[in-house]
N, C-alpha and C. Protein backbone atom coordinates (compact mmCIF):
# COMPACT_ATOMS: atom_id res chain seq x y z
N MET A 1 -8.76 193.60 116.11
CA MET A 1 -9.10 192.19 116.22
C MET A 1 -10.45 192.01 116.91
N MET A 2 -10.66 192.77 117.99
CA MET A 2 -11.91 192.68 118.73
C MET A 2 -13.08 193.15 117.88
N ASP A 3 -12.84 194.15 117.05
CA ASP A 3 -13.89 194.68 116.18
C ASP A 3 -14.34 193.63 115.18
N LEU A 4 -13.40 192.83 114.67
CA LEU A 4 -13.72 191.77 113.72
C LEU A 4 -14.59 190.70 114.37
N ARG A 5 -14.26 190.33 115.61
CA ARG A 5 -15.07 189.34 116.34
C ARG A 5 -16.46 189.88 116.62
N SER A 6 -16.54 191.13 116.98
CA SER A 6 -17.82 191.76 117.27
C SER A 6 -18.71 191.76 116.03
N ASN A 7 -18.12 192.09 114.87
CA ASN A 7 -18.88 192.08 113.62
C ASN A 7 -19.33 190.67 113.26
N ALA A 8 -18.46 189.68 113.49
CA ALA A 8 -18.81 188.30 113.19
C ALA A 8 -19.94 187.83 114.10
N THR A 9 -19.86 188.21 115.36
CA THR A 9 -20.91 187.82 116.31
C THR A 9 -22.24 188.46 115.95
N GLU A 10 -22.20 189.73 115.60
CA GLU A 10 -23.43 190.43 115.21
C GLU A 10 -24.01 189.82 113.93
N GLY A 11 -23.13 189.46 113.00
CA GLY A 11 -23.58 188.83 111.76
C GLY A 11 -24.25 187.50 112.03
N MET A 12 -23.68 186.70 112.92
CA MET A 12 -24.26 185.42 113.28
C MET A 12 -25.61 185.60 113.96
N LYS A 13 -25.69 186.59 114.86
CA LYS A 13 -26.94 186.84 115.56
C LYS A 13 -28.04 187.25 114.58
N SER A 14 -27.69 188.10 113.62
CA SER A 14 -28.71 188.53 112.66
C SER A 14 -29.14 187.38 111.76
N LYS A 15 -28.21 186.50 111.38
CA LYS A 15 -28.58 185.34 110.56
C LYS A 15 -29.48 184.37 111.33
N ILE A 16 -29.13 184.14 112.58
CA ILE A 16 -29.95 183.24 113.41
C ILE A 16 -31.33 183.85 113.62
N SER A 17 -31.38 185.15 113.86
CA SER A 17 -32.66 185.83 114.05
C SER A 17 -33.53 185.74 112.80
N SER A 18 -32.92 185.97 111.64
CA SER A 18 -33.69 185.90 110.40
C SER A 18 -34.13 184.47 110.11
N LEU A 19 -33.28 183.49 110.46
CA LEU A 19 -33.65 182.09 110.26
C LEU A 19 -34.81 181.71 111.18
N TRP A 20 -34.80 182.24 112.41
CA TRP A 20 -35.87 181.95 113.36
C TRP A 20 -37.20 182.53 112.89
N LYS A 21 -37.17 183.69 112.27
CA LYS A 21 -38.39 184.35 111.81
C LYS A 21 -38.89 183.78 110.49
N GLU A 22 -38.02 183.14 109.74
CA GLU A 22 -38.40 182.58 108.44
C GLU A 22 -39.31 181.38 108.66
N GLU A 23 -40.37 181.28 107.88
CA GLU A 23 -41.35 180.23 108.08
C GLU A 23 -41.32 179.17 106.99
N ASP A 24 -40.37 179.25 106.07
CA ASP A 24 -40.31 178.29 104.97
C ASP A 24 -40.03 176.87 105.45
N GLY A 25 -39.24 176.71 106.49
CA GLY A 25 -38.86 175.39 106.96
C GLY A 25 -39.85 174.76 107.92
N LEU A 26 -40.93 175.43 108.23
CA LEU A 26 -41.88 174.88 109.20
C LEU A 26 -42.54 173.60 108.70
N GLY A 27 -42.86 173.53 107.45
CA GLY A 27 -43.47 172.31 106.91
C GLY A 27 -42.55 171.12 107.06
N THR A 28 -41.26 171.34 106.83
CA THR A 28 -40.28 170.27 106.99
C THR A 28 -40.17 169.86 108.44
N LEU A 29 -40.12 170.82 109.32
CA LEU A 29 -40.01 170.52 110.75
C LEU A 29 -41.24 169.75 111.23
N GLU A 30 -42.39 170.16 110.81
CA GLU A 30 -43.62 169.45 111.20
C GLU A 30 -43.60 168.03 110.69
N SER A 31 -43.15 167.83 109.45
CA SER A 31 -43.07 166.48 108.88
C SER A 31 -42.11 165.61 109.68
N ILE A 32 -40.96 166.17 110.04
CA ILE A 32 -39.98 165.40 110.81
C ILE A 32 -40.55 165.03 112.17
N LEU A 33 -41.25 165.96 112.81
CA LEU A 33 -41.84 165.66 114.12
C LEU A 33 -42.92 164.59 114.02
N ILE A 34 -43.74 164.64 112.99
CA ILE A 34 -44.79 163.62 112.79
C ILE A 34 -44.16 162.26 112.56
N ILE A 35 -43.13 162.20 111.72
CA ILE A 35 -42.44 160.94 111.45
C ILE A 35 -41.82 160.40 112.74
N GLY A 36 -41.24 161.29 113.53
CA GLY A 36 -40.65 160.87 114.80
C GLY A 36 -41.68 160.27 115.75
N VAL A 37 -42.84 160.90 115.83
CA VAL A 37 -43.91 160.38 116.69
C VAL A 37 -44.40 159.03 116.20
N ILE A 38 -44.53 158.87 114.88
CA ILE A 38 -44.96 157.59 114.32
C ILE A 38 -43.95 156.49 114.64
N ILE A 39 -42.67 156.81 114.52
CA ILE A 39 -41.62 155.82 114.83
C ILE A 39 -41.67 155.44 116.30
N ILE A 40 -41.85 156.41 117.18
CA ILE A 40 -41.93 156.11 118.62
C ILE A 40 -43.13 155.23 118.92
N ILE A 41 -44.27 155.54 118.33
CA ILE A 41 -45.47 154.72 118.54
C ILE A 41 -45.25 153.31 118.02
N ALA A 42 -44.60 153.19 116.85
CA ALA A 42 -44.32 151.87 116.29
C ALA A 42 -43.40 151.07 117.20
N LEU A 43 -42.41 151.73 117.80
CA LEU A 43 -41.51 151.02 118.71
C LEU A 43 -42.22 150.59 119.98
N ILE A 44 -43.13 151.41 120.47
CA ILE A 44 -43.86 151.07 121.69
C ILE A 44 -44.79 149.87 121.45
N PHE A 45 -45.46 149.86 120.31
CA PHE A 45 -46.42 148.80 120.01
C PHE A 45 -45.88 147.78 119.03
N LYS A 46 -44.56 147.58 119.02
CA LYS A 46 -43.90 146.71 118.06
C LYS A 46 -44.47 145.29 118.07
N ASN A 47 -44.63 144.71 119.24
CA ASN A 47 -45.11 143.32 119.33
C ASN A 47 -46.55 143.19 118.85
N GLN A 48 -47.40 144.14 119.22
CA GLN A 48 -48.79 144.09 118.79
C GLN A 48 -48.90 144.26 117.26
N ILE A 49 -48.09 145.15 116.71
CA ILE A 49 -48.11 145.36 115.26
C ILE A 49 -47.63 144.11 114.54
N LYS A 50 -46.56 143.50 115.08
CA LYS A 50 -46.02 142.28 114.47
C LYS A 50 -47.06 141.16 114.47
N THR A 51 -47.76 140.99 115.58
CA THR A 51 -48.81 139.96 115.68
C THR A 51 -49.94 140.24 114.70
N LEU A 52 -50.35 141.49 114.60
CA LEU A 52 -51.42 141.86 113.68
C LEU A 52 -51.04 141.57 112.24
N VAL A 53 -49.84 141.93 111.84
CA VAL A 53 -49.39 141.70 110.47
C VAL A 53 -49.28 140.21 110.18
N GLU A 54 -48.76 139.45 111.13
CA GLU A 54 -48.67 138.00 110.94
C GLU A 54 -50.04 137.38 110.77
N ASN A 55 -51.01 137.80 111.58
CA ASN A 55 -52.38 137.27 111.45
C ASN A 55 -53.00 137.64 110.11
N LEU A 56 -52.77 138.86 109.66
CA LEU A 56 -53.30 139.28 108.36
C LEU A 56 -52.67 138.48 107.22
N LEU A 57 -51.38 138.25 107.30
CA LEU A 57 -50.71 137.47 106.24
C LEU A 57 -51.17 136.01 106.25
N LYS A 58 -51.41 135.44 107.43
CA LYS A 58 -51.94 134.07 107.51
C LYS A 58 -53.32 134.01 106.89
N SER A 59 -54.13 135.01 107.18
CA SER A 59 -55.48 135.06 106.63
C SER A 59 -55.45 135.18 105.11
N VAL A 60 -54.59 136.03 104.60
CA VAL A 60 -54.47 136.19 103.15
C VAL A 60 -53.99 134.89 102.52
N SER A 61 -53.03 134.26 103.15
CA SER A 61 -52.49 133.01 102.62
C SER A 61 -53.56 131.93 102.58
N SER A 62 -54.33 131.79 103.64
CA SER A 62 -55.38 130.75 103.67
C SER A 62 -56.49 131.07 102.67
N LYS A 63 -56.85 132.33 102.53
CA LYS A 63 -57.90 132.70 101.57
C LYS A 63 -57.41 132.47 100.13
N SER A 64 -56.13 132.76 99.86
CA SER A 64 -55.62 132.54 98.50
C SER A 64 -55.53 131.05 98.21
N ASN A 65 -55.20 130.24 99.23
CA ASN A 65 -55.18 128.78 99.03
C ASN A 65 -56.57 128.27 98.73
N GLU A 66 -57.58 128.78 99.42
CA GLU A 66 -58.97 128.40 99.16
C GLU A 66 -59.37 128.77 97.73
N PHE A 67 -58.92 129.90 97.26
CA PHE A 67 -59.29 130.38 95.94
C PHE A 67 -58.67 129.52 94.83
N PHE A 68 -57.42 129.10 95.02
CA PHE A 68 -56.74 128.35 93.98
C PHE A 68 -56.99 126.86 94.04
N GLU A 69 -57.69 126.36 95.04
CA GLU A 69 -57.98 124.92 95.11
C GLU A 69 -59.09 124.52 94.21
């Protein structure tokens, strides 16, 4: 019974080691980290971003009204 656990543990260690050395997933990890940082920045500056977007939409609305008059 102990031998079976030892083999399972060694198998898990070798899989984790090979996964750690594998570089295929690095692009995905980097993308996830970048997206996370963007979300955090957006949450920090939420009010400023909201104000900026509202001002831009008001400007577009007034310019389009001028164009169609």
